[in-house]
Amino acid sequence: MSECKIDHSHEDVQKKFEAQKAFLPGEMLPLFDAFFKEEHTQDILNHVFHLLKKYDLADVDDQEERNKRLYLVLKNV
């Protein structure tokens, strides 16, 4: 995943999540529900957006790595 210079809004992240939700592990979904109820820094929003971006097109190893990173963010915010 390359670095992006665009700041993504809470709404952008939520839309990206909705688009990728069917491809994410089921046990992760409640963590996103809690995530979207809170305010987050721009860095966190950008990071989560890019972990979700093209998640469905990522190979299994990449998805596993993204899952680990998503869990770290979602469980610690």
PDB file of N, CA and C in Angstrom:
ATOM      1  N   MET A   1       0.849  -1.184   0.000  1.00  0.00           N
ATOM      2  CA  MET A   1       0.000   0.000   0.000  1.00  0.00           C
ATOM      3  C   MET A   1       0.887   1.237   0.000  1.00  0.00           C
ATOM      4  N   SER A   2       0.637   2.079  -0.926  1.00  0.00           N
ATOM      5  CA  SER A   2       1.435   3.292  -1.015  1.00  0.00           C
ATOM      6  C   SER A   2       0.839   4.391  -0.146  1.00  0.00           C
ATOM      7  N   GLU A   3       1.697   5.325   0.193  1.00  0.00           N
ATOM      8  CA  GLU A   3       1.244   6.458   0.994  1.00  0.00           C
ATOM      9  C   GLU A   3       0.413   7.401   0.136  1.00  0.00           C
ATOM     10  N   CYS A   4      -0.621   7.940   0.723  1.00  0.00           N
ATOM     11  CA  CYS A   4      -1.530   8.835   0.021  1.00  0.00           C
ATOM     12  C   CYS A   4      -1.488  10.188   0.719  1.00  0.00           C
ATOM     13  N   LYS A   5      -1.560  11.236  -0.058  1.00  0.00           N
ATOM     14  CA  LYS A   5      -1.508  12.584   0.505  1.00  0.00           C
ATOM     15  C   LYS A   5      -2.896  13.154   0.779  1.00  0.00           C
ATOM     16  N   ILE A   6      -3.939  12.368   0.516  1.00  0.00           N
ATOM     17  CA  ILE A   6      -5.313  12.828   0.716  1.00  0.00           C
ATOM     18  C   ILE A   6      -5.763  12.496   2.138  1.00  0.00           C
ATOM     19  N   ASP A   7      -6.377  13.469   2.803  1.00  0.00           N
ATOM     20  CA  ASP A   7      -6.975  13.219   4.104  1.00  0.00           C
ATOM     21  C   ASP A   7      -8.395  12.713   3.897  1.00  0.00           C
ATOM     22  N   HIS A   8      -8.690  11.589   4.527  1.00  0.00           N
ATOM     23  CA  HIS A   8      -9.999  10.965   4.378  1.00  0.00           C
ATOM     24  C   HIS A   8     -10.869  11.294   5.586  1.00  0.00           C
ATOM     25  N   SER A   9     -12.092  11.670   5.312  1.00  0.00           N
ATOM     26  CA  SER A   9     -13.025  12.032   6.380  1.00  0.00           C
ATOM     27  C   SER A   9     -13.601  10.784   7.044  1.00  0.00           C
ATOM     28  N   HIS A  10     -14.250  11.001   8.170  1.00  0.00           N
ATOM     29  CA  HIS A  10     -14.964   9.933   8.875  1.00  0.00           C
ATOM     30  C   HIS A  10     -15.953   9.279   7.909  1.00  0.00           C
ATOM     31  N   GLU A  11     -16.643  10.111   7.135  1.00  0.00           N
ATOM     32  CA  GLU A  11     -17.626   9.609   6.159  1.00  0.00           C
ATOM     33  C   GLU A  11     -16.958   8.781   5.065  1.00  0.00           C
ATOM     34  N   ASP A  12     -15.786   9.203   4.595  1.00  0.00           N
ATOM     35  CA  ASP A  12     -15.043   8.433   3.585  1.00  0.00           C
ATOM     36  C   ASP A  12     -14.710   7.041   4.107  1.00  0.00           C
ATOM     37  N   VAL A  13     -14.254   6.989   5.349  1.00  0.00           N
ATOM     38  CA  VAL A  13     -13.867   5.710   5.949  1.00  0.00           C
ATOM     39  C   VAL A  13     -15.111   4.830   6.107  1.00  0.00           C
ATOM     40  N   GLN A  14     -16.193   5.424   6.531  1.00  0.00           N
ATOM     41  CA  GLN A  14     -17.420   4.652   6.711  1.00  0.00           C
ATOM     42  C   GLN A  14     -17.928   4.097   5.372  1.00  0.00           C
ATOM     43  N   LYS A  15     -17.865   4.891   4.328  1.00  0.00           N
ATOM     44  CA  LYS A  15     -18.273   4.421   2.997  1.00  0.00           C
ATOM     45  C   LYS A  15     -17.371   3.292   2.515  1.00  0.00           C
ATOM     46  N   LYS A  16     -16.072   3.440   2.749  1.00  0.00           N
ATOM     47  CA  LYS A  16     -15.137   2.391   2.337  1.00  0.00           C
ATOM     48  C   LYS A  16     -15.405   1.116   3.124  1.00  0.00           C
ATOM     49  N   PHE A  17     -15.689   1.249   4.409  1.00  0.00           N
ATOM     50  CA  PHE A  17     -16.034   0.090   5.229  1.00  0.00           C
ATOM     51  C   PHE A  17     -17.284  -0.598   4.684  1.00  0.00           C
ATOM     52  N   GLU A  18     -18.315   0.168   4.377  1.00  0.00           N
ATOM     53  CA  GLU A  18     -19.558  -0.409   3.856  1.00  0.00           C
ATOM     54  C   GLU A  18     -19.305  -1.177   2.563  1.00  0.00           C
ATOM     55  N   ALA A  19     -18.427  -0.658   1.734  1.00  0.00           N
ATOM     56  CA  ALA A  19     -18.109  -1.310   0.465  1.00  0.00           C
ATOM     57  C   ALA A  19     -17.330  -2.619   0.654  1.00  0.00           C
ATOM     58  N   GLN A  20     -16.565  -2.702   1.753  1.00  0.00           N
ATOM     59  CA  GLN A  20     -15.697  -3.865   1.983  1.00  0.00           C
ATOM     60  C   GLN A  20     -16.220  -4.803   3.065  1.00  0.00           C
ATOM     61  N   LYS A  21     -17.266  -4.423   3.734  1.00  0.00           N
ATOM     62  CA  LYS A  21     -17.785  -5.152   4.901  1.00  0.00           C
ATOM     63  C   LYS A  21     -18.005  -6.637   4.633  1.00  0.00           C
ATOM     64  N   ALA A  22     -18.522  -6.986   3.484  1.00  0.00           N
ATOM     65  CA  ALA A  22     -18.817  -8.386   3.162  1.00  0.00           C
ATOM     66  C   ALA A  22     -17.553  -9.245   3.080  1.00  0.00           C
ATOM     67  N   PHE A  23     -16.398  -8.620   2.917  1.00  0.00           N
ATOM     68  CA  PHE A  23     -15.148  -9.349   2.755  1.00  0.00           C
ATOM     69  C   PHE A  23     -14.334  -9.443   4.051  1.00  0.00           C
ATOM     70  N   LEU A  24     -14.739  -8.672   5.065  1.00  0.00           N
ATOM     71  CA  LEU A  24     -14.009  -8.637   6.337  1.00  0.00           C
ATOM     72  C   LEU A  24     -14.458  -9.770   7.248  1.00  0.00           C
ATOM     73  N   PRO A  25     -13.585 -10.186   8.186  1.00  0.00           N
ATOM     74  CA  PRO A  25     -13.987 -11.211   9.158  1.00  0.00           C
ATOM     75  C   PRO A  25     -15.186 -10.724   9.983  1.00  0.00           C
ATOM     76  N   GLY A  26     -16.159 -11.597  10.196  1.00  0.00           N
ATOM     77  CA  GLY A  26     -17.370 -11.241  10.918  1.00  0.00           C
ATOM     78  C   GLY A  26     -17.130 -10.697  12.304  1.00  0.00           C
ATOM     79  N   GLU A  27     -16.128 -11.236  12.994  1.00  0.00           N
ATOM     80  CA  GLU A  27     -15.866 -10.786  14.366  1.00  0.00           C
ATOM     81  C   GLU A  27     -15.282  -9.374  14.412  1.00  0.00           C
ATOM     82  N   MET A  28     -14.876  -8.856  13.275  1.00  0.00           N
ATOM     83  CA  MET A  28     -14.328  -7.506  13.219  1.00  0.00           C
ATOM     84  C   MET A  28     -15.443  -6.451  13.136  1.00  0.00           C
ATOM     85  N   LEU A  29     -16.601  -6.826  12.635  1.00  0.00           N
ATOM     86  CA  LEU A  29     -17.676  -5.867  12.376  1.00  0.00           C
ATOM     87  C   LEU A  29     -18.131  -5.097  13.613  1.00  0.00           C
ATOM     88  N   PRO A  30     -18.316  -5.731  14.775  1.00  0.00           N
ATOM     89  CA  PRO A  30     -18.691  -4.948  15.955  1.00  0.00           C
ATOM     90  C   PRO A  30     -17.622  -3.929  16.371  1.00  0.00           C
ATOM     91  N   LEU A  31     -16.365  -4.238  16.091  1.00  0.00           N
ATOM     92  CA  LEU A  31     -15.288  -3.294  16.405  1.00  0.00           C
ATOM     93  C   LEU A  31     -15.413  -2.037  15.546  1.00  0.00           C
ATOM     94  N   PHE A  32     -15.826  -2.216  14.310  1.00  0.00           N
ATOM     95  CA  PHE A  32     -16.059  -1.056  13.449  1.00  0.00           C
ATOM     96  C   PHE A  32     -17.254  -0.250  13.933  1.00  0.00           C
ATOM     97  N   ASP A  33     -18.290  -0.919  14.405  1.00  0.00           N
ATOM     98  CA  ASP A  33     -19.446  -0.200  14.949  1.00  0.00           C
ATOM     99  C   ASP A  33     -19.004   0.737  16.066  1.00  0.00           C
ATOM    100  N   ALA A  34     -18.178   0.232  16.963  1.00  0.00           N
ATOM    101  CA  ALA A  34     -17.666   1.047  18.068  1.00  0.00           C
ATOM    102  C   ALA A  34     -16.735   2.147  17.536  1.00  0.00           C
ATOM    103  N   PHE A  35     -15.908   1.810  16.556  1.00  0.00           N
ATOM    104  CA  PHE A  35     -14.969   2.771  15.969  1.00  0.00           C
ATOM    105  C   PHE A  35     -15.710   3.986  15.418  1.00  0.00           C
ATOM    106  N   PHE A  36     -16.813   3.750  14.716  1.00  0.00           N
ATOM    107  CA  PHE A  36     -17.522   4.851  14.069  1.00  0.00           C
ATOM    108  C   PHE A  36     -18.328   5.711  15.036  1.00  0.00           C
ATOM    109  N   LYS A  37     -18.445   5.283  16.263  1.00  0.00           N
ATOM    110  CA  LYS A  37     -19.148   6.085  17.267  1.00  0.00           C
ATOM    111  C   LYS A  37     -18.224   7.109  17.927  1.00  0.00           C
ATOM    112  N   GLU A  38     -16.945   7.022  17.640  1.00  0.00           N
ATOM    113  CA  GLU A  38     -15.939   7.882  18.262  1.00  0.00           C
ATOM    114  C   GLU A  38     -15.313   8.828  17.236  1.00  0.00           C
ATOM    115  N   GLU A  39     -14.669   9.874  17.744  1.00  0.00           N
ATOM    116  CA  GLU A  39     -13.863  10.780  16.913  1.00  0.00           C
ATOM    117  C   GLU A  39     -12.444  10.206  16.853  1.00  0.00           C
ATOM    118  N   HIS A  40     -11.768  10.413  15.724  1.00  0.00           N
ATOM    119  CA  HIS A  40     -10.415   9.890  15.572  1.00  0.00           C
ATOM    120  C   HIS A  40      -9.524  10.925  14.895  1.00  0.00           C
ATOM    121  N   THR A  41      -8.234  10.771  15.120  1.00  0.00           N
ATOM    122  CA  THR A  41      -7.279  11.667  14.485  1.00  0.00           C
ATOM    123  C   THR A  41      -7.265  11.423  12.979  1.00  0.00           C
ATOM    124  N   GLN A  42      -6.773  12.390  12.265  1.00  0.00           N
ATOM    125  CA  GLN A  42      -6.682  12.259  10.812  1.00  0.00           C
ATOM    126  C   GLN A  42      -5.775  11.095  10.437  1.00  0.00           C
ATOM    127  N   ASP A  43      -4.695  10.897  11.177  1.00  0.00           N
ATOM    128  CA  ASP A  43      -3.779   9.786  10.895  1.00  0.00           C
ATOM    129  C   ASP A  43      -4.492   8.437  10.993  1.00  0.00           C
ATOM    130  N   ILE A  44      -5.302   8.264  12.018  1.00  0.00           N
ATOM    131  CA  ILE A  44      -6.020   7.000  12.194  1.00  0.00           C
ATOM    132  C   ILE A  44      -7.041   6.808  11.083  1.00  0.00           C
ATOM    133  N   LEU A  45      -7.790   7.854  10.757  1.00  0.00           N
ATOM    134  CA  LEU A  45      -8.774   7.752   9.671  1.00  0.00           C
ATOM    135  C   LEU A  45      -8.090   7.368   8.358  1.00  0.00           C
ATOM    136  N   ASN A  46      -6.993   8.016   8.051  1.00  0.00           N
ATOM    137  CA  ASN A  46      -6.263   7.707   6.813  1.00  0.00           C
ATOM    138  C   ASN A  46      -5.745   6.273   6.819  1.00  0.00           C
ATOM    139  N   HIS A  47      -5.216   5.843   7.946  1.00  0.00           N
ATOM    140  CA  HIS A  47      -4.661   4.497   8.062  1.00  0.00           C
ATOM    141  C   HIS A  47      -5.753   3.450   7.848  1.00  0.00           C
ATOM    142  N   VAL A  48      -6.875   3.602   8.516  1.00  0.00           N
ATOM    143  CA  VAL A  48      -7.970   2.640   8.381  1.00  0.00           C
ATOM    144  C   VAL A  48      -8.508   2.646   6.948  1.00  0.00           C
ATOM    145  N   PHE A  49      -8.653   3.827   6.369  1.00  0.00           N
ATOM    146  CA  PHE A  49      -9.124   3.910   4.986  1.00  0.00           C
ATOM    147  C   PHE A  49      -8.238   3.087   4.062  1.00  0.00           C
ATOM    148  N   HIS A  50      -6.935   3.226   4.205  1.00  0.00           N
ATOM    149  CA  HIS A  50      -6.017   2.538   3.297  1.00  0.00           C
ATOM    150  C   HIS A  50      -5.916   1.043   3.586  1.00  0.00           C
ATOM    151  N   LEU A  51      -6.178   0.638   4.805  1.00  0.00           N
ATOM    152  CA  LEU A  51      -6.245  -0.798   5.081  1.00  0.00           C
ATOM    153  C   LEU A  51      -7.493  -1.412   4.444  1.00  0.00           C
ATOM    154  N   LEU A  52      -8.554  -0.645   4.371  1.00  0.00           N
ATOM    155  CA  LEU A  52      -9.795  -1.126   3.755  1.00  0.00           C
ATOM    156  C   LEU A  52      -9.775  -1.030   2.225  1.00  0.00           C
ATOM    157  N   LYS A  53      -9.016  -0.085   1.706  1.00  0.00           N
ATOM    158  CA  LYS A  53      -9.005   0.165   0.261  1.00  0.00           C
ATOM    159  C   LYS A  53      -8.570  -1.089  -0.499  1.00  0.00           C
ATOM    160  N   LYS A  54      -9.415  -1.518  -1.430  1.00  0.00           N
ATOM    161  CA  LYS A  54      -9.171  -2.694  -2.271  1.00  0.00           C
ATOM    162  C   LYS A  54      -8.915  -3.956  -1.450  1.00  0.00           C
ATOM    163  N   TYR A  55      -9.466  -4.012  -0.250  1.00  0.00           N
ATOM    164  CA  TYR A  55      -9.322  -5.197   0.600  1.00  0.00           C
ATOM    165  C   TYR A  55      -9.789  -6.441  -0.147  1.00  0.00           C
ATOM    166  N   ASP A  56     -10.904  -6.326  -0.851  1.00  0.00           N
ATOM    167  CA  ASP A  56     -11.478  -7.465  -1.567  1.00  0.00           C
ATOM    168  C   ASP A  56     -10.568  -7.986  -2.674  1.00  0.00           C
ATOM    169  N   LEU A  57      -9.691  -7.171  -3.183  1.00  0.00           N
ATOM    170  CA  LEU A  57      -8.788  -7.572  -4.262  1.00  0.00           C
ATOM    171  C   LEU A  57      -7.441  -8.084  -3.755  1.00  0.00           C
ATOM    172  N   ALA A  58      -7.193  -7.930  -2.473  1.00  0.00           N
ATOM    173  CA  ALA A  58      -5.914  -8.345  -1.883  1.00  0.00           C
ATOM    174  C   ALA A  58      -5.848  -9.868  -1.782  1.00  0.00           C
ATOM    175  N   ASP A  59      -4.634 -10.413  -1.914  1.00  0.00           N
ATOM    176  CA  ASP A  59      -4.498 -11.859  -1.742  1.00  0.00           C
ATOM    177  C   ASP A  59      -4.631 -12.209  -0.263  1.00  0.00           C
ATOM    178  N   VAL A  60      -4.735 -13.484   0.030  1.00  0.00           N
ATOM    179  CA  VAL A  60      -5.009 -13.946   1.394  1.00  0.00           C
ATOM    180  C   VAL A  60      -3.947 -13.465   2.382  1.00  0.00           C
ATOM    181  N   ASP A  61      -2.684 -13.531   1.999  1.00  0.00           N
ATOM    182  CA  ASP A  61      -1.613 -13.080   2.900  1.00  0.00           C
ATOM    183  C   ASP A  61      -1.737 -11.590   3.204  1.00  0.00           C
ATOM    184  N   ASP A  62      -2.043 -10.799   2.188  1.00  0.00           N
ATOM    185  CA  ASP A  62      -2.212  -9.361   2.383  1.00  0.00           C
ATOM    186  C   ASP A  62      -3.426  -9.091   3.263  1.00  0.00           C
ATOM    187  N   GLN A  63      -4.517  -9.810   3.046  1.00  0.00           N
ATOM    188  CA  GLN A  63      -5.702  -9.632   3.890  1.00  0.00           C
ATOM    189  C   GLN A  63      -5.391  -9.969   5.344  1.00  0.00           C
ATOM    190  N   GLU A  64      -4.636 -11.026   5.575  1.00  0.00           N
ATOM    191  CA  GLU A  64      -4.268 -11.388   6.946  1.00  0.00           C
ATOM    192  C   GLU A  64      -3.442 -10.284   7.601  1.00  0.00           C
ATOM    193  N   GLU A  65      -2.509  -9.712   6.862  1.00  0.00           N
ATOM    194  CA  GLU A  65      -1.694  -8.614   7.391  1.00  0.00           C
ATOM    195  C   GLU A  65      -2.565  -7.394   7.679  1.00  0.00           C
ATOM    196  N   ARG A  66      -3.461  -7.078   6.777  1.00  0.00           N
ATOM    197  CA  ARG A  66      -4.378  -5.954   6.999  1.00  0.00           C
ATOM    198  C   ARG A  66      -5.261  -6.220   8.211  1.00  0.00           C
ATOM    199  N   ASN A  67      -5.736  -7.456   8.360  1.00  0.00           N
ATOM    200  CA  ASN A  67      -6.566  -7.801   9.520  1.00  0.00           C
ATOM    201  C   ASN A  67      -5.820  -7.541  10.816  1.00  0.00           C
ATOM    202  N   LYS A  68      -4.567  -7.955  10.877  1.00  0.00           N
ATOM    203  CA  LYS A  68      -3.754  -7.726  12.082  1.00  0.00           C
ATOM    204  C   LYS A  68      -3.660  -6.237  12.392  1.00  0.00           C
ATOM    205  N   ARG A  69      -3.402  -5.462  11.357  1.00  0.00           N
ATOM    206  CA  ARG A  69      -3.253  -4.013  11.554  1.00  0.00           C
ATOM    207  C   ARG A  69      -4.580  -3.367  11.924  1.00  0.00           C
ATOM    208  N   LEU A  70      -5.666  -3.826  11.302  1.00  0.00           N
ATOM    209  CA  LEU A  70      -6.993  -3.308  11.648  1.00  0.00           C
ATOM    210  C   LEU A  70      -7.343  -3.628  13.097  1.00  0.00           C
ATOM    211  N   TYR A  71      -7.086  -4.880  13.522  1.00  0.00           N
ATOM    212  CA  TYR A  71      -7.368  -5.247  14.910  1.00  0.00           C
ATOM    213  C   TYR A  71      -6.578  -4.374  15.877  1.00  0.00           C
ATOM    214  N   LEU A  72      -5.321  -4.108  15.561  1.00  0.00           N
ATOM    215  CA  LEU A  72      -4.520  -3.239  16.442  1.00  0.00           C
ATOM    216  C   LEU A  72      -5.144  -1.863  16.589  1.00  0.00           C
ATOM    217  N   VAL A  73      -5.594  -1.302  15.492  1.00  0.00           N
ATOM    218  CA  VAL A  73      -6.220   0.020  15.534  1.00  0.00           C
ATOM    219  C   VAL A  73      -7.568  -0.040  16.239  1.00  0.00           C
ATOM    220  N   LEU A  74      -8.413  -0.961  15.832  1.00  0.00           N
ATOM    221  CA  LEU A  74      -9.786  -1.008  16.330  1.00  0.00           C
ATOM    222  C   LEU A  74      -9.876  -1.348  17.816  1.00  0.00           C
ATOM    223  N   LYS A  75      -8.945  -2.138  18.305  1.00  0.00           N
ATOM    224  CA  LYS A  75      -8.969  -2.528  19.718  1.00  0.00           C
ATOM    225  C   LYS A  75      -8.302  -1.500  20.623  1.00  0.00           C
ATOM    226  N   ASN A  76      -7.587  -0.538  20.019  1.00  0.00           N
ATOM    227  CA  ASN A  76      -6.825   0.413  20.832  1.00  0.00           C
ATOM    228  C   ASN A  76      -7.275   1.841  20.678  1.00  0.00           C
ATOM    229  N   VAL A  77      -8.427   2.061  20.078  1.00  0.00           N
ATOM    230  CA  VAL A  77      -8.920   3.445  19.947  1.00  0.00           C
ATOM    231  C   VAL A  77     -10.163   3.623  20.785  1.00  0.00           C
TER     232      VAL A  77
END
